[in-house]
C-alpha atoms as a PDB file:
ATOM      1  CA  UNK A   1      -2.290 -25.252   5.212  1.00  0.00           C
ATOM      2  CA  UNK A   2       0.444 -27.036   3.362  1.00  0.00           C
ATOM      3  CA  UNK A   3      -1.036 -27.278  -0.239  1.00  0.00           C
ATOM      4  CA  UNK A   4      -3.736 -25.172  -1.835  1.00  0.00           C
ATOM      5  CA  UNK A   5      -7.073 -26.546  -2.537  1.00  0.00           C
ATOM      6  CA  UNK A   6      -7.807 -27.470  -6.131  1.00  0.00           C
ATOM      7  CA  UNK A   7     -10.185 -24.685  -6.553  1.00  0.00           C
ATOM      8  CA  UNK A   8      -8.125 -22.280  -5.483  1.00  0.00           C
ATOM      9  CA  UNK A   9      -6.044 -21.544  -8.554  1.00  0.00           C
ATOM     10  CA  UNK A  10      -9.056 -20.562 -10.786  1.00  0.00           C
ATOM     11  CA  UNK A  11     -11.765 -19.081  -8.268  1.00  0.00           C
ATOM     12  CA  UNK A  12     -12.140 -14.938  -8.525  1.00  0.00           C
ATOM     13  CA  UNK A  13     -11.775 -12.967  -5.460  1.00  0.00           C
ATOM     14  CA  UNK A  14     -15.413 -12.678  -4.891  1.00  0.00           C
ATOM     15  CA  UNK A  15     -16.446 -16.689  -4.800  1.00  0.00           C
ATOM     16  CA  UNK A  16     -12.875 -17.147  -2.926  1.00  0.00           C
ATOM     17  CA  UNK A  17     -14.596 -17.606   0.475  1.00  0.00           C
ATOM     18  CA  UNK A  18     -16.410 -20.909  -0.974  1.00  0.00           C
ATOM     19  CA  UNK A  19     -12.903 -22.445  -1.152  1.00  0.00           C
ATOM     20  CA  UNK A  20     -11.455 -20.523   1.596  1.00  0.00           C
ATOM     21  CA  UNK A  21     -13.860 -19.240   4.230  1.00  0.00           C
ATOM     22  CA  UNK A  22     -11.489 -17.914   6.799  1.00  0.00           C
ATOM     23  CA  UNK A  23      -8.092 -15.857   6.311  1.00  0.00           C
ATOM     24  CA  UNK A  24      -5.502 -18.441   5.350  1.00  0.00           C
ATOM     25  CA  UNK A  25      -1.757 -18.877   5.473  1.00  0.00           C
ATOM     26  CA  UNK A  26      -0.125 -21.444   3.002  1.00  0.00           C
ATOM     27  CA  UNK A  27       3.082 -22.798   3.840  1.00  0.00           C
ATOM     28  CA  UNK A  28       4.342 -24.217   0.234  1.00  0.00           C
ATOM     29  CA  UNK A  29       7.656 -25.920   0.102  1.00  0.00           C
ATOM     30  CA  UNK A  30      10.276 -24.726  -1.951  1.00  0.00           C
ATOM     31  CA  UNK A  31      14.116 -25.664  -2.739  1.00  0.00           C
ATOM     32  CA  UNK A  32      15.670 -22.732  -0.534  1.00  0.00           C
ATOM     33  CA  UNK A  33      14.140 -23.448   2.713  1.00  0.00           C
ATOM     34  CA  UNK A  34      14.325 -19.728   3.750  1.00  0.00           C
ATOM     35  CA  UNK A  35      10.566 -18.346   3.073  1.00  0.00           C
ATOM     36  CA  UNK A  36       9.316 -15.755   1.043  1.00  0.00           C
ATOM     37  CA  UNK A  37       6.146 -13.938   2.720  1.00  0.00           C
ATOM     38  CA  UNK A  38       3.355 -12.841   0.244  1.00  0.00           C
ATOM     39  CA  UNK A  39       0.294 -11.219   1.521  1.00  0.00           C
ATOM     40  CA  UNK A  40      -2.596 -10.524  -0.508  1.00  0.00           C
ATOM     41  CA  UNK A  41      -6.143  -9.485  -0.281  1.00  0.00           C
ATOM     42  CA  UNK A  42      -5.462  -7.541   2.703  1.00  0.00           C
ATOM     43  CA  UNK A  43      -8.048  -5.280   0.958  1.00  0.00           C
ATOM     44  CA  UNK A  44     -10.748  -7.210  -0.306  1.00  0.00           C
ATOM     45  CA  UNK A  45     -11.428  -4.858  -3.294  1.00  0.00           C
ATOM     46  CA  UNK A  46      -7.662  -5.184  -4.316  1.00  0.00           C
ATOM     47  CA  UNK A  47      -7.515  -8.611  -6.484  1.00  0.00           C
ATOM     48  CA  UNK A  48      -4.126  -8.343  -8.229  1.00  0.00           C
ATOM     49  CA  UNK A  49      -2.248  -9.970  -5.807  1.00  0.00           C
ATOM     50  CA  UNK A  50      -4.726 -13.138  -5.426  1.00  0.00           C
ATOM     51  CA  UNK A  51      -4.247 -13.123  -9.449  1.00  0.00           C
ATOM     52  CA  UNK A  52      -0.646 -13.210  -9.297  1.00  0.00           C
ATOM     53  CA  UNK A  53      -0.508 -15.964  -6.645  1.00  0.00           C
ATOM     54  CA  UNK A  54      -2.679 -17.786  -8.464  1.00  0.00           C
ATOM     55  CA  UNK A  55      -0.911 -17.619 -11.683  1.00  0.00           C
ATOM     56  CA  UNK A  56       2.400 -17.991  -9.808  1.00  0.00           C
ATOM     57  CA  UNK A  57       1.141 -21.277  -8.356  1.00  0.00           C
ATOM     58  CA  UNK A  58      -0.376 -22.618 -11.687  1.00  0.00           C
ATOM     59  CA  UNK A  59       3.387 -22.299 -13.311  1.00  0.00           C
ATOM     60  CA  UNK A  60       4.630 -24.250 -10.805  1.00  0.00           C
ATOM     61  CA  UNK A  61       1.819 -26.903 -10.267  1.00  0.00           C
ATOM     62  CA  UNK A  62       4.269 -30.022 -11.360  1.00  0.00           C
ATOM     63  CA  UNK A  63       7.364 -28.604 -10.372  1.00  0.00           C
ATOM     64  CA  UNK A  64       8.730 -27.739  -6.963  1.00  0.00           C
ATOM     65  CA  UNK A  65       9.047 -23.890  -6.219  1.00  0.00           C
ATOM     66  CA  UNK A  66      12.265 -22.104  -6.114  1.00  0.00           C
ATOM     67  CA  UNK A  67      11.871 -20.991  -2.575  1.00  0.00           C
ATOM     68  CA  UNK A  68       9.621 -22.176   0.031  1.00  0.00           C
ATOM     69  CA  UNK A  69       6.523 -19.581   0.207  1.00  0.00           C
ATOM     70  CA  UNK A  70       4.462 -18.462   2.869  1.00  0.00           C
ATOM     71  CA  UNK A  71       1.120 -17.100   1.368  1.00  0.00           C
ATOM     72  CA  UNK A  72      -1.340 -15.268   3.388  1.00  0.00           C
ATOM     73  CA  UNK A  73      -4.805 -14.650   1.725  1.00  0.00           C
ATOM     74  CA  UNK A  74      -6.382 -12.173   4.033  1.00  0.00           C
ATOM     75  CA  UNK A  75      -9.843 -10.572   3.734  1.00  0.00           C
ATOM     76  CA  UNK A  76     -11.704 -13.138   1.861  1.00  0.00           C
ATOM     77  CA  UNK A  77     -15.121 -11.801   3.938  1.00  0.00           C
ATOM     78  CA  UNK A  78     -14.400  -8.130   2.213  1.00  0.00           C
ATOM     79  CA  UNK A  79     -13.593  -9.808  -1.174  1.00  0.00           C
ATOM     80  CA  UNK A  80     -16.955 -11.536  -1.205  1.00  0.00           C
ATOM     81  CA  UNK A  81     -18.481  -8.125  -0.728  1.00  0.00           C
ATOM     82  CA  UNK A  82     -16.164  -6.444  -3.051  1.00  0.00           C
ATOM     83  CA  UNK A  83     -15.114  -3.763  -0.539  1.00  0.00           C
ATOM     84  CA  UNK A  84     -11.784  -2.998   0.704  1.00  0.00           C
ATOM     85  CA  UNK A  85     -12.960  -3.551   4.482  1.00  0.00           C
ATOM     86  CA  UNK A  86     -16.196  -4.364   6.087  1.00  0.00           C
ATOM     87  CA  UNK A  87     -17.835  -1.832   8.061  1.00  0.00           C
ATOM     88  CA  UNK A  88     -17.566  -4.206  10.947  1.00  0.00           C
ATOM     89  CA  UNK A  89     -13.596  -4.617  10.441  1.00  0.00           C
ATOM     90  CA  UNK A  90     -10.585  -3.147  11.171  1.00  0.00           C
ATOM     91  CA  UNK A  91      -8.459  -2.381   7.937  1.00  0.00           C
ATOM     92  CA  UNK A  92      -6.410  -5.534   7.504  1.00  0.00           C
ATOM     93  CA  UNK A  93      -3.417  -3.121   6.415  1.00  0.00           C
ATOM     94  CA  UNK A  94      -3.690  -1.177   9.832  1.00  0.00           C
ATOM     95  CA  UNK A  95      -4.007  -3.809  12.231  1.00  0.00           C
ATOM     96  CA  UNK A  96      -0.352  -5.548  12.320  1.00  0.00           C
ATOM     97  CA  UNK A  97       1.620  -5.207  15.483  1.00  0.00           C
ATOM     98  CA  UNK A  98       2.210  -1.534  15.968  1.00  0.00           C
ATOM     99  CA  UNK A  99      -1.728  -0.844  15.040  1.00  0.00           C
ATOM    100  CA  UNK A 100      -3.180   2.006  17.110  1.00  0.00           C
ATOM    101  CA  UNK A 101      -6.191  -0.329  17.737  1.00  0.00           C
ATOM    102  CA  UNK A 102      -4.670  -3.643  19.299  1.00  0.00           C
ATOM    103  CA  UNK A 103      -7.869  -4.942  20.999  1.00  0.00           C
ATOM    104  CA  UNK A 104      -9.350  -5.884  17.977  1.00  0.00           C
ATOM    105  CA  UNK A 105     -10.202  -9.352  16.185  1.00  0.00           C
ATOM    106  CA  UNK A 106      -8.495  -8.258  13.273  1.00  0.00           C
ATOM    107  CA  UNK A 107      -5.397  -7.202  15.447  1.00  0.00           C
ATOM    108  CA  UNK A 108      -5.401 -10.426  17.210  1.00  0.00           C
ATOM    109  CA  UNK A 109      -5.242 -11.958  14.220  1.00  0.00           C
ATOM    110  CA  UNK A 110      -2.322 -10.357  12.606  1.00  0.00           C
ATOM    111  CA  UNK A 111      -0.407 -10.610  15.920  1.00  0.00           C
ATOM    112  CA  UNK A 112      -0.931 -14.352  15.839  1.00  0.00           C
ATOM    113  CA  UNK A 113       0.223 -14.629  12.107  1.00  0.00           C
ATOM    114  CA  UNK A 114       3.060 -12.239  12.649  1.00  0.00           C
ATOM    115  CA  UNK A 115       4.273 -14.311  15.530  1.00  0.00           C
ATOM    116  CA  UNK A 116       4.000 -17.552  13.239  1.00  0.00           C
ATOM    117  CA  UNK A 117       5.924 -15.907  10.371  1.00  0.00           C
ATOM    118  CA  UNK A 118       8.862 -15.004  12.735  1.00  0.00           C
ATOM    119  CA  UNK A 119       9.568 -18.405  13.712  1.00  0.00           C
ATOM    120  CA  UNK A 120      10.104 -19.397  10.047  1.00  0.00           C
ATOM    121  CA  UNK A 121      12.763 -16.569   9.657  1.00  0.00           C
ATOM    122  CA  UNK A 122      11.475 -15.182   6.382  1.00  0.00           C
ATOM    123  CA  UNK A 123      14.119 -14.162   3.717  1.00  0.00           C
ATOM    124  CA  UNK A 124      11.911 -11.505   2.455  1.00  0.00           C
ATOM    125  CA  UNK A 125       8.301 -10.107   2.682  1.00  0.00           C
ATOM    126  CA  UNK A 126       6.166  -8.549  -0.091  1.00  0.00           C
ATOM    127  CA  UNK A 127       2.563  -7.332   0.272  1.00  0.00           C
ATOM    128  CA  UNK A 128       0.406  -6.559  -3.001  1.00  0.00           C
ATOM    129  CA  UNK A 129      -2.042  -3.809  -3.298  1.00  0.00           C
ATOM    130  CA  UNK A 130      -3.818  -1.896  -6.235  1.00  0.00           C
ATOM    131  CA  UNK A 131      -4.533   1.873  -6.146  1.00  0.00           C
ATOM    132  CA  UNK A 132      -8.029   3.945  -6.503  1.00  0.00           C
ATOM    133  CA  UNK A 133      -6.451   6.570  -8.526  1.00  0.00           C
ATOM    134  CA  UNK A 134      -4.096   6.870 -11.461  1.00  0.00           C
ATOM    135  CA  UNK A 135      -0.598   5.874 -10.444  1.00  0.00           C
ATOM    136  CA  UNK A 136       2.546   4.348 -12.041  1.00  0.00           C
ATOM    137  CA  UNK A 137       3.660   0.978 -10.350  1.00  0.00           C
ATOM    138  CA  UNK A 138       5.413   1.749  -7.414  1.00  0.00           C
ATOM    139  CA  UNK A 139       7.303   0.016  -4.120  1.00  0.00           C
ATOM    140  CA  UNK A 140       7.006   1.135  -0.423  1.00  0.00           C
ATOM    141  CA  UNK A 141       9.520   0.552   2.221  1.00  0.00           C
ATOM    142  CA  UNK A 142       9.972   1.603   6.007  1.00  0.00           C
ATOM    143  CA  UNK A 143      13.602   1.214   6.010  1.00  0.00           C
ATOM    144  CA  UNK A 144      16.456   2.521   3.896  1.00  0.00           C
ATOM    145  CA  UNK A 145      18.649  -0.650   4.230  1.00  0.00           C
ATOM    146  CA  UNK A 146      20.559  -1.924   1.387  1.00  0.00           C
ATOM    147  CA  UNK A 147      18.582  -5.026   1.277  1.00  0.00           C
ATOM    148  CA  UNK A 148      15.109  -3.469   1.151  1.00  0.00           C
ATOM    149  CA  UNK A 149      15.937  -0.948  -1.238  1.00  0.00           C
ATOM    150  CA  UNK A 150      16.913  -3.467  -3.643  1.00  0.00           C
ATOM    151  CA  UNK A 151      13.824  -5.573  -3.202  1.00  0.00           C
ATOM    152  CA  UNK A 152      11.927  -2.383  -3.779  1.00  0.00           C
ATOM    153  CA  UNK A 153      13.810  -1.596  -6.726  1.00  0.00           C
ATOM    154  CA  UNK A 154      13.374  -5.263  -8.106  1.00  0.00           C
ATOM    155  CA  UNK A 155       9.478  -3.969  -8.577  1.00  0.00           C
ATOM    156  CA  UNK A 156      10.176  -0.570  -9.743  1.00  0.00           C
ATOM    157  CA  UNK A 157      12.549   2.479 -10.164  1.00  0.00           C
ATOM    158  CA  UNK A 158       9.985   4.516  -8.426  1.00  0.00           C
ATOM    159  CA  UNK A 159      10.208   3.787  -4.425  1.00  0.00           C
ATOM    160  CA  UNK A 160       8.387   5.659  -1.695  1.00  0.00           C
ATOM    161  CA  UNK A 161       9.759   5.699   1.798  1.00  0.00           C
ATOM    162  CA  UNK A 162       7.061   5.988   4.761  1.00  0.00           C
ATOM    163  CA  UNK A 163       6.820   5.930   8.435  1.00  0.00           C
ATOM    164  CA  UNK A 164       2.999   6.157   8.738  1.00  0.00           C
ATOM    165  CA  UNK A 165       0.231   5.335   9.069  1.00  0.00           C
ATOM    166  CA  UNK A 166       0.778   2.702  11.470  1.00  0.00           C
ATOM    167  CA  UNK A 167      -0.029  -1.104  11.677  1.00  0.00           C
ATOM    168  CA  UNK A 168       0.619  -1.798   8.182  1.00  0.00           C
ATOM    169  CA  UNK A 169       2.084  -5.236   7.090  1.00  0.00           C
ATOM    170  CA  UNK A 170       5.459  -4.053   5.670  1.00  0.00           C
ATOM    171  CA  UNK A 171       6.402  -1.828   8.945  1.00  0.00           C
ATOM    172  CA  UNK A 172       5.599  -4.890  11.074  1.00  0.00           C
ATOM    173  CA  UNK A 173       7.610  -7.313   8.769  1.00  0.00           C
ATOM    174  CA  UNK A 174      10.463  -5.106   8.295  1.00  0.00           C
ATOM    175  CA  UNK A 175      11.394  -5.953  12.056  1.00  0.00           C
ATOM    176  CA  UNK A 176      12.013  -9.379  10.315  1.00  0.00           C
ATOM    177  CA  UNK A 177      13.587  -9.387   6.957  1.00  0.00           C
ATOM    178  CA  UNK A 178      13.643  -6.643   4.092  1.00  0.00           C
ATOM    179  CA  UNK A 179      10.069  -5.741   3.470  1.00  0.00           C
ATOM    180  CA  UNK A 180       8.211  -3.941   0.654  1.00  0.00           C
ATOM    181  CA  UNK A 181       4.442  -3.117  -0.277  1.00  0.00           C
ATOM    182  CA  UNK A 182       3.898  -3.008  -4.072  1.00  0.00           C
ATOM    183  CA  UNK A 183       1.346  -0.667  -5.673  1.00  0.00           C
ATOM    184  CA  UNK A 184       0.197  -2.440  -8.889  1.00  0.00           C
ATOM    185  CA  UNK A 185      -2.101   0.341 -10.407  1.00  0.00           C
ATOM    186  CA  UNK A 186      -5.700   0.105 -10.960  1.00  0.00           C
ATOM    187  CA  UNK A 187      -7.625  -3.117 -10.258  1.00  0.00           C
ATOM    188  CA  UNK A 188      -8.520  -5.226 -13.586  1.00  0.00           C
ATOM    189  CA  UNK A 189      -5.238  -4.096 -15.554  1.00  0.00           C
ATOM    190  CA  UNK A 190      -3.841  -7.102 -17.281  1.00  0.00           C
ATOM    191  CA  UNK A 191      -0.389  -5.393 -16.815  1.00  0.00           C
ATOM    192  CA  UNK A 192      -1.057  -5.105 -13.085  1.00  0.00           C
ATOM    193  CA  UNK A 193      -1.253  -8.807 -12.606  1.00  0.00           C
ATOM    194  CA  UNK A 194       1.714  -9.628 -15.245  1.00  0.00           C
ATOM    195  CA  UNK A 195       4.048  -7.045 -13.367  1.00  0.00           C
ATOM    196  CA  UNK A 196       3.128  -8.845 -10.109  1.00  0.00           C
ATOM    197  CA  UNK A 197       3.888 -12.212 -11.267  1.00  0.00           C
ATOM    198  CA  UNK A 198       6.904 -11.323 -12.434  1.00  0.00           C
ATOM    199  CA  UNK A 199       8.012  -9.470  -9.187  1.00  0.00           C
ATOM    200  CA  UNK A 200       6.760 -12.558  -7.341  1.00  0.00           C
ATOM    201  CA  UNK A 201       8.854 -15.250  -9.581  1.00  0.00           C
ATOM    202  CA  UNK A 202      11.814 -12.841  -9.356  1.00  0.00           C
ATOM    203  CA  UNK A 203      11.883 -12.814  -5.486  1.00  0.00           C
ATOM    204  CA  UNK A 204      11.092 -16.787  -5.643  1.00  0.00           C
ATOM    205  CA  UNK A 205      14.582 -17.131  -7.637  1.00  0.00           C
ATOM    206  CA  UNK A 206      16.707 -14.499  -5.633  1.00  0.00           C
ATOM    207  CA  UNK A 207      19.389 -16.049  -3.919  1.00  0.00           C
ATOM    208  CA  UNK A 208      20.411 -12.938  -1.596  1.00  0.00           C
ATOM    209  CA  UNK A 209      20.513  -9.357  -1.548  1.00  0.00           C
ATOM    210  CA  UNK A 210      23.534  -7.273  -2.317  1.00  0.00           C
ATOM    211  CA  UNK A 211      25.486  -6.008   0.605  1.00  0.00           C
ATOM    212  CA  UNK A 212      25.564  -2.203  -0.999  1.00  0.00           C
ATOM    213  CA  UNK A 213      22.470  -0.137  -1.820  1.00  0.00           C
ATOM    214  CA  UNK A 214      21.459   0.481  -5.247  1.00  0.00           C
ATOM    215  CA  UNK A 215      23.028   3.691  -7.187  1.00  0.00           C
ATOM    216  CA  UNK A 216      21.325   6.647  -6.212  1.00  0.00           C
ATOM    217  CA  UNK A 217      20.713   7.130 -10.153  1.00  0.00           C
ATOM    218  CA  UNK A 218      18.650   3.788 -10.230  1.00  0.00           C
ATOM    219  CA  UNK A 219      15.951   5.078  -7.697  1.00  0.00           C
ATOM    220  CA  UNK A 220      13.628   7.763  -7.781  1.00  0.00           C
ATOM    221  CA  UNK A 221      13.456   7.975  -4.260  1.00  0.00           C
ATOM    222  CA  UNK A 222      10.598   9.779  -2.405  1.00  0.00           C
ATOM    223  CA  UNK A 223       9.241  10.262   1.283  1.00  0.00           C
ATOM    224  CA  UNK A 224       5.750  10.717   2.257  1.00  0.00           C
ATOM    225  CA  UNK A 225       6.002  14.183   4.503  1.00  0.00           C
ATOM    226  CA  UNK A 226       2.104  14.675   5.086  1.00  0.00           C
ATOM    227  CA  UNK A 227      -1.320  12.769   5.057  1.00  0.00           C
ATOM    228  CA  UNK A 228      -4.366  14.762   3.319  1.00  0.00           C
ATOM    229  CA  UNK A 229      -7.296  14.040   4.934  1.00  0.00           C
ATOM    230  CA  UNK A 230     -11.191  15.096   4.351  1.00  0.00           C
ATOM    231  CA  UNK A 231     -13.326  16.125   7.737  1.00  0.00           C
ATOM    232  CA  UNK A 232     -15.802  12.945   8.294  1.00  0.00           C
ATOM    233  CA  UNK A 233     -18.389  15.647   8.608  1.00  0.00           C
ATOM    234  CA  UNK A 234     -17.552  17.308   5.101  1.00  0.00           C
ATOM    235  CA  UNK A 235     -19.679  16.250   1.917  1.00  0.00           C
ATOM    236  CA  UNK A 236     -17.275  15.823  -1.067  1.00  0.00           C
ATOM    237  CA  UNK A 237     -17.589  16.188  -4.452  1.00  0.00           C
ATOM    238  CA  UNK A 238     -15.645  15.238  -7.687  1.00  0.00           C
ATOM    239  CA  UNK A 239     -17.755  15.723 -10.355  1.00  0.00           C
ATOM    240  CA  UNK A 240     -18.456  19.734  -9.955  1.00  0.00           C
ATOM    241  CA  UNK A 241     -21.735  19.395  -7.999  1.00  0.00           C
ATOM    242  CA  UNK A 242     -22.328  21.286  -4.970  1.00  0.00           C
ATOM    243  CA  UNK A 243     -20.630  19.948  -1.915  1.00  0.00           C
ATOM    244  CA  UNK A 244     -18.467  21.424   1.344  1.00  0.00           C
ATOM    245  CA  UNK A 245     -15.160  20.485  -0.547  1.00  0.00           C
ATOM    246  CA  UNK A 246     -15.528  20.393  -4.286  1.00  0.00           C
ATOM    247  CA  UNK A 247     -12.239  18.423  -5.473  1.00  0.00           C
ATOM    248  CA  UNK A 248     -11.002  19.206  -9.182  1.00  0.00           C
ATOM    249  CA  UNK A 249     -12.437  16.578 -11.532  1.00  0.00           C
ATOM    250  CA  UNK A 250      -8.959  15.237 -12.664  1.00  0.00           C
ATOM    251  CA  UNK A 251      -7.406  14.917  -9.048  1.00  0.00           C
ATOM    252  CA  UNK A 252      -6.114  11.704  -9.511  1.00  0.00           C
ATOM    253  CA  UNK A 253      -4.105  12.930 -12.697  1.00  0.00           C
ATOM    254  CA  UNK A 254      -1.847  15.006 -10.480  1.00  0.00           C
ATOM    255  CA  UNK A 255      -0.225  11.648  -8.662  1.00  0.00           C
ATOM    256  CA  UNK A 256       3.554  11.821  -8.821  1.00  0.00           C
ATOM    257  CA  UNK A 257       3.748  14.764 -10.685  1.00  0.00           C
ATOM    258  CA  UNK A 258       6.075  17.615  -8.922  1.00  0.00           C
ATOM    259  CA  UNK A 259       3.197  20.334  -8.545  1.00  0.00           C
ATOM    260  CA  UNK A 260       4.434  24.011  -8.079  1.00  0.00           C
ATOM    261  CA  UNK A 261       3.302  26.358  -5.122  1.00  0.00           C
ATOM    262  CA  UNK A 262      -0.311  27.676  -6.083  1.00  0.00           C
ATOM    263  CA  UNK A 263      -1.434  24.516  -7.641  1.00  0.00           C
ATOM    264  CA  UNK A 264      -5.225  24.193  -7.351  1.00  0.00           C
ATOM    265  CA  UNK A 265      -6.854  20.944  -5.563  1.00  0.00           C
ATOM    266  CA  UNK A 266     -10.426  22.189  -5.882  1.00  0.00           C
ATOM    267  CA  UNK A 267     -12.657  24.484  -3.618  1.00  0.00           C
ATOM    268  CA  UNK A 268     -13.989  24.595  -0.182  1.00  0.00           C
ATOM    269  CA  UNK A 269     -17.416  26.456   0.932  1.00  0.00           C
ATOM    270  CA  UNK A 270     -15.677  28.669   3.359  1.00  0.00           C
ATOM    271  CA  UNK A 271     -19.240  29.447   4.849  1.00  0.00           C
ATOM    272  CA  UNK A 272     -19.026  26.042   6.657  1.00  0.00           C
ATOM    273  CA  UNK A 273     -15.475  26.540   7.831  1.00  0.00           C
ATOM    274  CA  UNK A 274     -14.439  23.454   6.486  1.00  0.00           C
ATOM    275  CA  UNK A 275     -10.670  22.935   5.181  1.00  0.00           C
ATOM    276  CA  UNK A 276      -8.670  19.800   4.083  1.00  0.00           C
ATOM    277  CA  UNK A 277      -6.799  18.310   7.199  1.00  0.00           C
ATOM    278  CA  UNK A 278      -3.049  17.869   6.944  1.00  0.00           C
ATOM    279  CA  UNK A 279      -1.191  15.848   9.191  1.00  0.00           C
ATOM    280  CA  UNK A 280       2.575  15.133   9.603  1.00  0.00           C
ATOM    281  CA  UNK A 281       3.561  11.743   7.870  1.00  0.00           C
ATOM    282  CA  UNK A 282       6.772  11.904   9.854  1.00  0.00           C
ATOM    283  CA  UNK A 283       7.735  12.629  13.583  1.00  0.00           C
ATOM    284  CA  UNK A 284       6.848  16.628  13.321  1.00  0.00           C
ATOM    285  CA  UNK A 285       5.912  17.546  17.066  1.00  0.00           C
ATOM    286  CA  UNK A 286       3.232  16.055  19.546  1.00  0.00           C
ATOM    287  CA  UNK A 287       0.051  17.220  17.833  1.00  0.00           C
ATOM    288  CA  UNK A 288       1.194  15.819  14.221  1.00  0.00           C
ATOM    289  CA  UNK A 289      -0.004  18.771  12.409  1.00  0.00           C
ATOM    290  CA  UNK A 290       1.181  20.815   9.542  1.00  0.00           C
ATOM    291  CA  UNK A 291      -0.299  23.868   8.413  1.00  0.00           C
ATOM    292  CA  UNK A 292       2.221  25.074   5.569  1.00  0.00           C
ATOM    293  CA  UNK A 293       1.031  22.806   2.591  1.00  0.00           C
ATOM    294  CA  UNK A 294      -2.371  24.447   1.618  1.00  0.00           C
ATOM    295  CA  UNK A 295      -4.212  27.718   1.643  1.00  0.00           C
ATOM    296  CA  UNK A 296      -7.988  28.006   1.400  1.00  0.00           C
ATOM    297  CA  UNK A 297      -8.192  31.801   0.689  1.00  0.00           C
ATOM    298  CA  UNK A 298     -11.287  32.772  -1.152  1.00  0.00           C
ATOM    299  CA  UNK A 299     -12.457  29.118  -1.122  1.00  0.00           C
ATOM    300  CA  UNK A 300      -9.683  28.073  -3.253  1.00  0.00           C
ATOM    301  CA  UNK A 301      -7.686  24.930  -2.073  1.00  0.00           C
ATOM    302  CA  UNK A 302      -3.962  25.640  -3.071  1.00  0.00           C
ATOM    303  CA  UNK A 303      -0.779  24.246  -2.437  1.00  0.00           C
ATOM    304  CA  UNK A 304       1.524  26.954  -0.628  1.00  0.00           C
ATOM    305  CA  UNK A 305       4.735  25.108  -1.233  1.00  0.00           C
ATOM    306  CA  UNK A 306       5.962  22.342  -4.222  1.00  0.00           C
ATOM    307  CA  UNK A 307       4.828  19.129  -3.277  1.00  0.00           C
ATOM    308  CA  UNK A 308       4.593  15.605  -5.192  1.00  0.00           C
ATOM    309  CA  UNK A 309       1.239  13.832  -4.196  1.00  0.00           C
ATOM    310  CA  UNK A 310       0.628  10.230  -4.029  1.00  0.00           C
ATOM    311  CA  UNK A 311      -2.885   8.048  -4.031  1.00  0.00           C
ATOM    312  CA  UNK A 312      -4.974  10.956  -4.885  1.00  0.00           C
ATOM    313  CA  UNK A 313      -8.331   9.542  -5.910  1.00  0.00           C
ATOM    314  CA  UNK A 314     -11.677  10.518  -7.190  1.00  0.00           C
ATOM    315  CA  UNK A 315     -13.370   7.197  -5.242  1.00  0.00           C
ATOM    316  CA  UNK A 316     -15.280   8.966  -2.519  1.00  0.00           C
ATOM    317  CA  UNK A 317     -15.452   5.997  -0.213  1.00  0.00           C
ATOM    318  CA  UNK A 318     -11.804   5.261  -0.749  1.00  0.00           C
ATOM    319  CA  UNK A 319     -11.279   8.928   0.658  1.00  0.00           C
ATOM    320  CA  UNK A 320     -13.551   8.377   3.859  1.00  0.00           C
ATOM    321  CA  UNK A 321     -12.111   4.960   4.580  1.00  0.00           C
ATOM    322  CA  UNK A 322      -8.514   5.990   4.266  1.00  0.00           C
ATOM    323  CA  UNK A 323      -7.556   9.809   2.947  1.00  0.00           C
ATOM    324  CA  UNK A 324      -7.439  11.835   0.165  1.00  0.00           C
ATOM    325  CA  UNK A 325      -3.951  11.308  -0.716  1.00  0.00           C
ATOM    326  CA  UNK A 326      -0.298  11.916   0.434  1.00  0.00           C
ATOM    327  CA  UNK A 327       2.282  14.650  -0.132  1.00  0.00           C
ATOM    328  CA  UNK A 328       5.876  13.715  -0.994  1.00  0.00           C
ATOM    329  CA  UNK A 329       9.154  15.363  -1.438  1.00  0.00           C
ATOM    330  CA  UNK A 330      12.358  13.672  -3.123  1.00  0.00           C
ATOM    331  CA  UNK A 331      14.871  12.332  -0.702  1.00  0.00           C
ATOM    332  CA  UNK A 332      18.567  11.247  -0.856  1.00  0.00           C
ATOM    333  CA  UNK A 333      19.622   7.497   0.101  1.00  0.00           C
ATOM    334  CA  UNK A 334      19.890   8.658   3.934  1.00  0.00           C
ATOM    335  CA  UNK A 335      16.004  10.153   3.934  1.00  0.00           C
ATOM    336  CA  UNK A 336      17.418  13.777   3.930  1.00  0.00           C
ATOM    337  CA  UNK A 337      14.856  15.926   1.858  1.00  0.00           C
ATOM    338  CA  UNK A 338      16.442  17.322  -1.695  1.00  0.00           C
ATOM    339  CA  UNK A 339      15.035  20.829  -2.221  1.00  0.00           C
ATOM    340  CA  UNK A 340      12.536  21.197  -4.883  1.00  0.00           C
END
């Protein structure tokens, strides 16, 4: 569509399907014809991106955008149900080119969308998300190029470099232009929407990216080295009740905190032989597994080397749909780990 419907600007995410019955790409004109690509609601229960897009477009209701904007509004069906992804769907942020499940309707949709956007020669791409755990606002990127770093730094000083999971929007779009995913904290926080609005407006007003990377002192740069998952057959608790895996009740308070070896994540039922599953989030061999992060001796889940976690959550459904969280280390501008 080349214009937003009148009711789009004020409709909440759970009612959006009454205005947009399907995922929709808007091509909105602006003074600079090189478009900014913005995706929102790739996860139906993360509405900050939608709220930010609505506010930006309200501000420009009677005047031209500084830059043409391609706005993709994603999983309206999941938004109507108030969930991340419907059980019948592939996650909209695991379905982009490079996905491990290319023969799905969602992958076909994202492939056609990607091909469309590629012909428009985008200036930059931003994908707006929320977290289920306690976290600062931070940017995520998939290249350590100067322009990508500047784009991420425009949102936050805290920047996370990642290579997996595959099939995410920013990995696909980084082939075309500077690309970043921004994590805006908890759903429903006014500060999340305000920050996302500020970022979108800054990107629309940006004329070019500096040729040189930001100063190392201006960016707190981290890299995800491992992803932590719970076996699908395991029961989980976050409130101290009996379960195969009992996570500490304040597990999400550990996010972005440098943790020492020996830090407890909770306990496991040793009789069942269940442990946390840890997989490499970088290229570390054919099977992709790593074993050096946790011990389960005596049923205690403890780090055996320092790490900085991200995306740890107490939301059990989110753990099952995606993961418990990621383990990170600080890196320099070349991607090399800085020893703890």
